[in-house]
Amino acid sequence: MEQKKLDRINELYRKSQAEGLTDAEKEEQYILRREYIDSYKRSLVAELENTYIVDEKGNKTKVTRKGKK
C-alpha cells in the first residue's frame, strides 16, 4: 500500500478523534482501511505459501492451510 494512503488513513483517524468526520470522510476511511487489510492479508498469505517447516531430520514440509493436505 502506498505511503500516501497510509498517511491519509492516519489523518482521517486523528480528525475523527478531534472533531469527527463527515459521511464522505467516513466512507473514504472505510475504503482505505479495507484496502489496507486486504493488502496485509495478501502479504501474509504470500509469506505463508513460501514457508516450510524443517524437522529434526532435515526434511522440509510445506505449510498448508488448516484442513488442506
PDB file of N, CA and C in Angstrom:
ATOM      1  N   MET A   1       0.851  -1.177   0.000  1.00  0.00           N
ATOM      2  CA  MET A   1       0.000   0.000   0.000  1.00  0.00           C
ATOM      3  C   MET A   1       0.894   1.236   0.000  1.00  0.00           C
ATOM      4  N   GLU A   2       0.480   2.221  -0.720  1.00  0.00           N
ATOM      5  CA  GLU A   2       1.259   3.459  -0.850  1.00  0.00           C
ATOM      6  C   GLU A   2       1.304   4.230   0.465  1.00  0.00           C
ATOM      7  N   GLN A   3       2.428   4.873   0.705  1.00  0.00           N
ATOM      8  CA  GLN A   3       2.589   5.660   1.933  1.00  0.00           C
ATOM      9  C   GLN A   3       1.574   6.795   1.994  1.00  0.00           C
ATOM     10  N   LYS A   4       1.240   7.339   0.825  1.00  0.00           N
ATOM     11  CA  LYS A   4       0.260   8.432   0.762  1.00  0.00           C
ATOM     12  C   LYS A   4      -1.095   7.988   1.333  1.00  0.00           C
ATOM     13  N   LYS A   5      -1.494   6.758   1.024  1.00  0.00           N
ATOM     14  CA  LYS A   5      -2.771   6.248   1.525  1.00  0.00           C
ATOM     15  C   LYS A   5      -2.694   5.975   3.023  1.00  0.00           C
ATOM     16  N   LEU A   6      -1.569   5.447   3.488  1.00  0.00           N
ATOM     17  CA  LEU A   6      -1.398   5.221   4.919  1.00  0.00           C
ATOM     18  C   LEU A   6      -1.455   6.543   5.682  1.00  0.00           C
ATOM     19  N   ASP A   7      -0.816   7.570   5.129  1.00  0.00           N
ATOM     20  CA  ASP A   7      -0.862   8.890   5.754  1.00  0.00           C
ATOM     21  C   ASP A   7      -2.292   9.408   5.824  1.00  0.00           C
ATOM     22  N   ARG A   8      -3.061   9.155   4.773  1.00  0.00           N
ATOM     23  CA  ARG A   8      -4.462   9.615   4.742  1.00  0.00           C
ATOM     24  C   ARG A   8      -5.296   8.870   5.785  1.00  0.00           C
ATOM     25  N   ILE A   9      -5.058   7.563   5.944  1.00  0.00           N
ATOM     26  CA  ILE A   9      -5.763   6.795   6.980  1.00  0.00           C
ATOM     27  C   ILE A   9      -5.488   7.413   8.346  1.00  0.00           C
ATOM     28  N   ASN A  10      -4.224   7.706   8.614  1.00  0.00           N
ATOM     29  CA  ASN A  10      -3.849   8.296   9.898  1.00  0.00           C
ATOM     30  C   ASN A  10      -4.439   9.688  10.083  1.00  0.00           C
ATOM     31  N   GLU A  11      -4.449  10.450   9.019  1.00  0.00           N
ATOM     32  CA  GLU A  11      -5.011  11.804   9.069  1.00  0.00           C
ATOM     33  C   GLU A  11      -6.513  11.747   9.398  1.00  0.00           C
ATOM     34  N   LEU A  12      -7.225  10.830   8.738  1.00  0.00           N
ATOM     35  CA  LEU A  12      -8.656  10.697   8.997  1.00  0.00           C
ATOM     36  C   LEU A  12      -8.908  10.211  10.426  1.00  0.00           C
ATOM     37  N   TYR A  13      -8.055   9.337  10.932  1.00  0.00           N
ATOM     38  CA  TYR A  13      -8.213   8.870  12.307  1.00  0.00           C
ATOM     39  C   TYR A  13      -8.052  10.035  13.289  1.00  0.00           C
ATOM     40  N   ARG A  14      -6.994  10.818  13.101  1.00  0.00           N
ATOM     41  CA  ARG A  14      -6.768  11.955  14.007  1.00  0.00           C
ATOM     42  C   ARG A  14      -7.928  12.940  13.945  1.00  0.00           C
ATOM     43  N   LYS A  15      -8.442  13.179  12.743  1.00  0.00           N
ATOM     44  CA  LYS A  15      -9.561  14.108  12.600  1.00  0.00           C
ATOM     45  C   LYS A  15     -10.809  13.549  13.275  1.00  0.00           C
ATOM     46  N   SER A  16     -11.018  12.231  13.169  1.00  0.00           N
ATOM     47  CA  SER A  16     -12.207  11.627  13.782  1.00  0.00           C
ATOM     48  C   SER A  16     -12.153  11.764  15.305  1.00  0.00           C
ATOM     49  N   GLN A  17     -10.963  11.698  15.875  1.00  0.00           N
ATOM     50  CA  GLN A  17     -10.808  11.830  17.319  1.00  0.00           C
ATOM     51  C   GLN A  17     -10.971  13.280  17.765  1.00  0.00           C
ATOM     52  N   ALA A  18     -10.512  14.212  16.936  1.00  0.00           N
ATOM     53  CA  ALA A  18     -10.525  15.620  17.305  1.00  0.00           C
ATOM     54  C   ALA A  18     -11.891  16.284  17.085  1.00  0.00           C
ATOM     55  N   GLU A  19     -12.459  16.087  15.912  1.00  0.00           N
ATOM     56  CA  GLU A  19     -13.671  16.838  15.585  1.00  0.00           C
ATOM     57  C   GLU A  19     -14.768  16.039  14.907  1.00  0.00           C
ATOM     58  N   GLY A  20     -14.499  14.804  14.538  1.00  0.00           N
ATOM     59  CA  GLY A  20     -15.497  13.989  13.850  1.00  0.00           C
ATOM     60  C   GLY A  20     -15.339  14.062  12.345  1.00  0.00           C
ATOM     61  N   LEU A  21     -15.944  13.107  11.670  1.00  0.00           N
ATOM     62  CA  LEU A  21     -15.838  13.022  10.215  1.00  0.00           C
ATOM     63  C   LEU A  21     -17.198  13.231   9.559  1.00  0.00           C
ATOM     64  N   THR A  22     -17.165  13.733   8.342  1.00  0.00           N
ATOM     65  CA  THR A  22     -18.383  13.822   7.544  1.00  0.00           C
ATOM     66  C   THR A  22     -18.685  12.418   7.024  1.00  0.00           C
ATOM     67  N   ASP A  23     -19.859  12.248   6.460  1.00  0.00           N
ATOM     68  CA  ASP A  23     -20.229  10.937   5.906  1.00  0.00           C
ATOM     69  C   ASP A  23     -19.286  10.542   4.769  1.00  0.00           C
ATOM     70  N   ALA A  24     -18.895  11.495   3.940  1.00  0.00           N
ATOM     71  CA  ALA A  24     -17.976  11.209   2.831  1.00  0.00           C
ATOM     72  C   ALA A  24     -16.608  10.782   3.366  1.00  0.00           C
ATOM     73  N   GLU A  25     -16.156  11.423   4.423  1.00  0.00           N
ATOM     74  CA  GLU A  25     -14.866  11.073   5.010  1.00  0.00           C
ATOM     75  C   GLU A  25     -14.923   9.701   5.684  1.00  0.00           C
ATOM     76  N   LYS A  26     -16.056   9.385   6.311  1.00  0.00           N
ATOM     77  CA  LYS A  26     -16.220   8.066   6.920  1.00  0.00           C
ATOM     78  C   LYS A  26     -16.156   6.972   5.856  1.00  0.00           C
ATOM     79  N   GLU A  27     -16.796   7.229   4.727  1.00  0.00           N
ATOM     80  CA  GLU A  27     -16.778   6.277   3.609  1.00  0.00           C
ATOM     81  C   GLU A  27     -15.359   6.108   3.078  1.00  0.00           C
ATOM     82  N   GLU A  28     -14.645   7.220   2.910  1.00  0.00           N
ATOM     83  CA  GLU A  28     -13.261   7.174   2.446  1.00  0.00           C
ATOM     84  C   GLU A  28     -12.393   6.391   3.434  1.00  0.00           C
ATOM     85  N   GLN A  29     -12.590   6.635   4.722  1.00  0.00           N
ATOM     86  CA  GLN A  29     -11.825   5.944   5.757  1.00  0.00           C
ATOM     87  C   GLN A  29     -12.099   4.440   5.697  1.00  0.00           C
ATOM     88  N   TYR A  30     -13.349   4.059   5.527  1.00  0.00           N
ATOM     89  CA  TYR A  30     -13.708   2.646   5.443  1.00  0.00           C
ATOM     90  C   TYR A  30     -13.031   1.983   4.242  1.00  0.00           C
ATOM     91  N   ILE A  31     -13.089   2.644   3.100  1.00  0.00           N
ATOM     92  CA  ILE A  31     -12.494   2.087   1.874  1.00  0.00           C
ATOM     93  C   ILE A  31     -10.984   1.933   2.030  1.00  0.00           C
ATOM     94  N   LEU A  32     -10.323   2.951   2.572  1.00  0.00           N
ATOM     95  CA  LEU A  32      -8.873   2.886   2.751  1.00  0.00           C
ATOM     96  C   LEU A  32      -8.484   1.801   3.754  1.00  0.00           C
ATOM     97  N   ARG A  33      -9.228   1.695   4.839  1.00  0.00           N
ATOM     98  CA  ARG A  33      -8.934   0.656   5.840  1.00  0.00           C
ATOM     99  C   ARG A  33      -9.128  -0.739   5.246  1.00  0.00           C
ATOM    100  N   ARG A  34     -10.197  -0.917   4.475  1.00  0.00           N
ATOM    101  CA  ARG A  34     -10.454  -2.213   3.840  1.00  0.00           C
ATOM    102  C   ARG A  34      -9.319  -2.565   2.881  1.00  0.00           C
ATOM    103  N   GLU A  35      -8.863  -1.581   2.116  1.00  0.00           N
ATOM    104  CA  GLU A  35      -7.753  -1.796   1.179  1.00  0.00           C
ATOM    105  C   GLU A  35      -6.486  -2.187   1.942  1.00  0.00           C
ATOM    106  N   TYR A  36      -6.248  -1.533   3.078  1.00  0.00           N
ATOM    107  CA  TYR A  36      -5.071  -1.849   3.897  1.00  0.00           C
ATOM    108  C   TYR A  36      -5.157  -3.278   4.429  1.00  0.00           C
ATOM    109  N   ILE A  37      -6.307  -3.657   4.954  1.00  0.00           N
ATOM    110  CA  ILE A  37      -6.494  -5.002   5.498  1.00  0.00           C
ATOM    111  C   ILE A  37      -6.312  -6.053   4.407  1.00  0.00           C
ATOM    112  N   ASP A  38      -6.906  -5.836   3.246  1.00  0.00           N
ATOM    113  CA  ASP A  38      -6.766  -6.779   2.134  1.00  0.00           C
ATOM    114  C   ASP A  38      -5.316  -6.912   1.695  1.00  0.00           C
ATOM    115  N   SER A  39      -4.610  -5.801   1.646  1.00  0.00           N
ATOM    116  CA  SER A  39      -3.194  -5.808   1.272  1.00  0.00           C
ATOM    117  C   SER A  39      -2.380  -6.591   2.291  1.00  0.00           C
ATOM    118  N   TYR A  40      -2.659  -6.393   3.562  1.00  0.00           N
ATOM    119  CA  TYR A  40      -1.955  -7.091   4.632  1.00  0.00           C
ATOM    120  C   TYR A  40      -2.202  -8.597   4.547  1.00  0.00           C
ATOM    121  N   LYS A  41      -3.457  -8.978   4.301  1.00  0.00           N
ATOM    122  CA  LYS A  41      -3.795 -10.394   4.181  1.00  0.00           C
ATOM    123  C   LYS A  41      -3.072 -11.034   3.002  1.00  0.00           C
ATOM    124  N   ARG A  42      -3.059 -10.364   1.848  1.00  0.00           N
ATOM    125  CA  ARG A  42      -2.358 -10.898   0.677  1.00  0.00           C
ATOM    126  C   ARG A  42      -0.885 -11.103   0.966  1.00  0.00           C
ATOM    127  N   SER A  43      -0.287 -10.154   1.660  1.00  0.00           N
ATOM    128  CA  SER A  43       1.120 -10.250   2.020  1.00  0.00           C
ATOM    129  C   SER A  43       1.367 -11.430   2.950  1.00  0.00           C
ATOM    130  N   LEU A  44       0.513 -11.614   3.923  1.00  0.00           N
ATOM    131  CA  LEU A  44       0.659 -12.706   4.879  1.00  0.00           C
ATOM    132  C   LEU A  44       0.486 -14.057   4.191  1.00  0.00           C
ATOM    133  N   VAL A  45      -0.504 -14.188   3.335  1.00  0.00           N
ATOM    134  CA  VAL A  45      -0.732 -15.435   2.611  1.00  0.00           C
ATOM    135  C   VAL A  45       0.471 -15.754   1.725  1.00  0.00           C
ATOM    136  N   ALA A  46       0.996 -14.756   1.028  1.00  0.00           N
ATOM    137  CA  ALA A  46       2.163 -14.970   0.180  1.00  0.00           C
ATOM    138  C   ALA A  46       3.358 -15.441   1.011  1.00  0.00           C
ATOM    139  N   GLU A  47       3.540 -14.869   2.176  1.00  0.00           N
ATOM    140  CA  GLU A  47       4.632 -15.274   3.066  1.00  0.00           C
ATOM    141  C   GLU A  47       4.460 -16.722   3.515  1.00  0.00           C
ATOM    142  N   LEU A  48       3.251 -17.073   3.904  1.00  0.00           N
ATOM    143  CA  LEU A  48       2.992 -18.432   4.375  1.00  0.00           C
ATOM    144  C   LEU A  48       3.098 -19.467   3.260  1.00  0.00           C
ATOM    145  N   GLU A  49       2.763 -19.080   2.033  1.00  0.00           N
ATOM    146  CA  GLU A  49       2.877 -20.003   0.902  1.00  0.00           C
ATOM    147  C   GLU A  49       4.327 -20.345   0.599  1.00  0.00           C
ATOM    148  N   ASN A  50       5.240 -19.535   1.070  1.00  0.00           N
ATOM    149  CA  ASN A  50       6.660 -19.777   0.855  1.00  0.00           C
ATOM    150  C   ASN A  50       7.369 -20.190   2.143  1.00  0.00           C
ATOM    151  N   THR A  51       6.612 -20.754   3.083  1.00  0.00           N
ATOM    152  CA  THR A  51       7.169 -21.158   4.370  1.00  0.00           C
ATOM    153  C   THR A  51       7.204 -22.682   4.463  1.00  0.00           C
ATOM    154  N   TYR A  52       8.313 -23.174   4.965  1.00  0.00           N
ATOM    155  CA  TYR A  52       8.485 -24.613   5.150  1.00  0.00           C
ATOM    156  C   TYR A  52       8.858 -24.883   6.602  1.00  0.00           C
ATOM    157  N   ILE A  53       8.436 -26.032   7.098  1.00  0.00           N
ATOM    158  CA  ILE A  53       8.830 -26.485   8.432  1.00  0.00           C
ATOM    159  C   ILE A  53       9.895 -27.552   8.230  1.00  0.00           C
ATOM    160  N   VAL A  54      11.003 -27.418   8.936  1.00  0.00           N
ATOM    161  CA  VAL A  54      12.093 -28.379   8.834  1.00  0.00           C
ATOM    162  C   VAL A  54      12.114 -29.194  10.128  1.00  0.00           C
ATOM    163  N   ASP A  55      11.990 -30.526   9.995  1.00  0.00           N
ATOM    164  CA  ASP A  55      12.015 -31.375  11.187  1.00  0.00           C
ATOM    165  C   ASP A  55      13.460 -31.668  11.603  1.00  0.00           C
ATOM    166  N   GLU A  56      13.608 -32.429  12.681  1.00  0.00           N
ATOM    167  CA  GLU A  56      14.946 -32.698  13.214  1.00  0.00           C
ATOM    168  C   GLU A  56      15.827 -33.506  12.259  1.00  0.00           C
ATOM    169  N   LYS A  57      15.229 -34.205  11.301  1.00  0.00           N
ATOM    170  CA  LYS A  57      15.995 -34.975  10.314  1.00  0.00           C
ATOM    171  C   LYS A  57      16.372 -34.131   9.096  1.00  0.00           C
ATOM    172  N   GLY A  58      15.898 -32.912   9.053  1.00  0.00           N
ATOM    173  CA  GLY A  58      16.204 -32.025   7.938  1.00  0.00           C
ATOM    174  C   GLY A  58      15.190 -32.078   6.805  1.00  0.00           C
ATOM    175  N   ASN A  59      14.087 -32.798   7.003  1.00  0.00           N
ATOM    176  CA  ASN A  59      13.046 -32.893   5.979  1.00  0.00           C
ATOM    177  C   ASN A  59      12.204 -31.625   5.974  1.00  0.00           C
ATOM    178  N   LYS A  60      11.991 -31.093   4.777  1.00  0.00           N
ATOM    179  CA  LYS A  60      11.169 -29.886   4.644  1.00  0.00           C
ATOM    180  C   LYS A  60       9.730 -30.275   4.347  1.00  0.00           C
ATOM    181  N   THR A  61       8.794 -29.611   5.021  1.00  0.00           N
ATOM    182  CA  THR A  61       7.372 -29.806   4.783  1.00  0.00           C
ATOM    183  C   THR A  61       6.751 -28.438   4.547  1.00  0.00           C
ATOM    184  N   LYS A  62       6.075 -28.316   3.410  1.00  0.00           N
ATOM    185  CA  LYS A  62       5.435 -27.039   3.082  1.00  0.00           C
ATOM    186  C   LYS A  62       4.260 -26.797   4.019  1.00  0.00           C
ATOM    187  N   VAL A  63       4.107 -25.591   4.493  1.00  0.00           N
ATOM    188  CA  VAL A  63       2.986 -25.211   5.347  1.00  0.00           C
ATOM    189  C   VAL A  63       1.739 -25.173   4.471  1.00  0.00           C
ATOM    190  N   THR A  64       0.659 -25.822   4.948  1.00  0.00           N
ATOM    191  CA  THR A  64      -0.603 -25.820   4.198  1.00  0.00           C
ATOM    192  C   THR A  64      -1.691 -25.218   5.064  1.00  0.00           C
ATOM    193  N   ARG A  65      -2.769 -24.830   4.423  1.00  0.00           N
ATOM    194  CA  ARG A  65      -3.905 -24.304   5.173  1.00  0.00           C
ATOM    195  C   ARG A  65      -4.516 -25.410   6.014  1.00  0.00           C
ATOM    196  N   LYS A  66      -5.041 -25.034   7.141  1.00  0.00           N
ATOM    197  CA  LYS A  66      -5.665 -25.993   8.028  1.00  0.00           C
ATOM    198  C   LYS A  66      -6.803 -26.685   7.291  1.00  0.00           C
ATOM    199  N   GLY A  67      -6.823 -28.004   7.351  1.00  0.00           N
ATOM    200  CA  GLY A  67      -7.864 -28.755   6.667  1.00  0.00           C
ATOM    201  C   GLY A  67      -7.482 -29.169   5.258  1.00  0.00           C
ATOM    202  N   LYS A  68      -6.446 -28.554   4.683  1.00  0.00           N
ATOM    203  CA  LYS A  68      -5.972 -28.910   3.342  1.00  0.00           C
ATOM    204  C   LYS A  68      -4.721 -29.757   3.468  1.00  0.00           C
ATOM    205  N   LYS A  69      -4.586 -30.722   2.601  1.00  0.00           N
ATOM    206  CA  LYS A  69      -3.354 -31.539   2.592  1.00  0.00           C
ATOM    207  C   LYS A  69      -2.875 -31.757   1.206  1.00  0.00           C
TER     208      LYS A  69
END
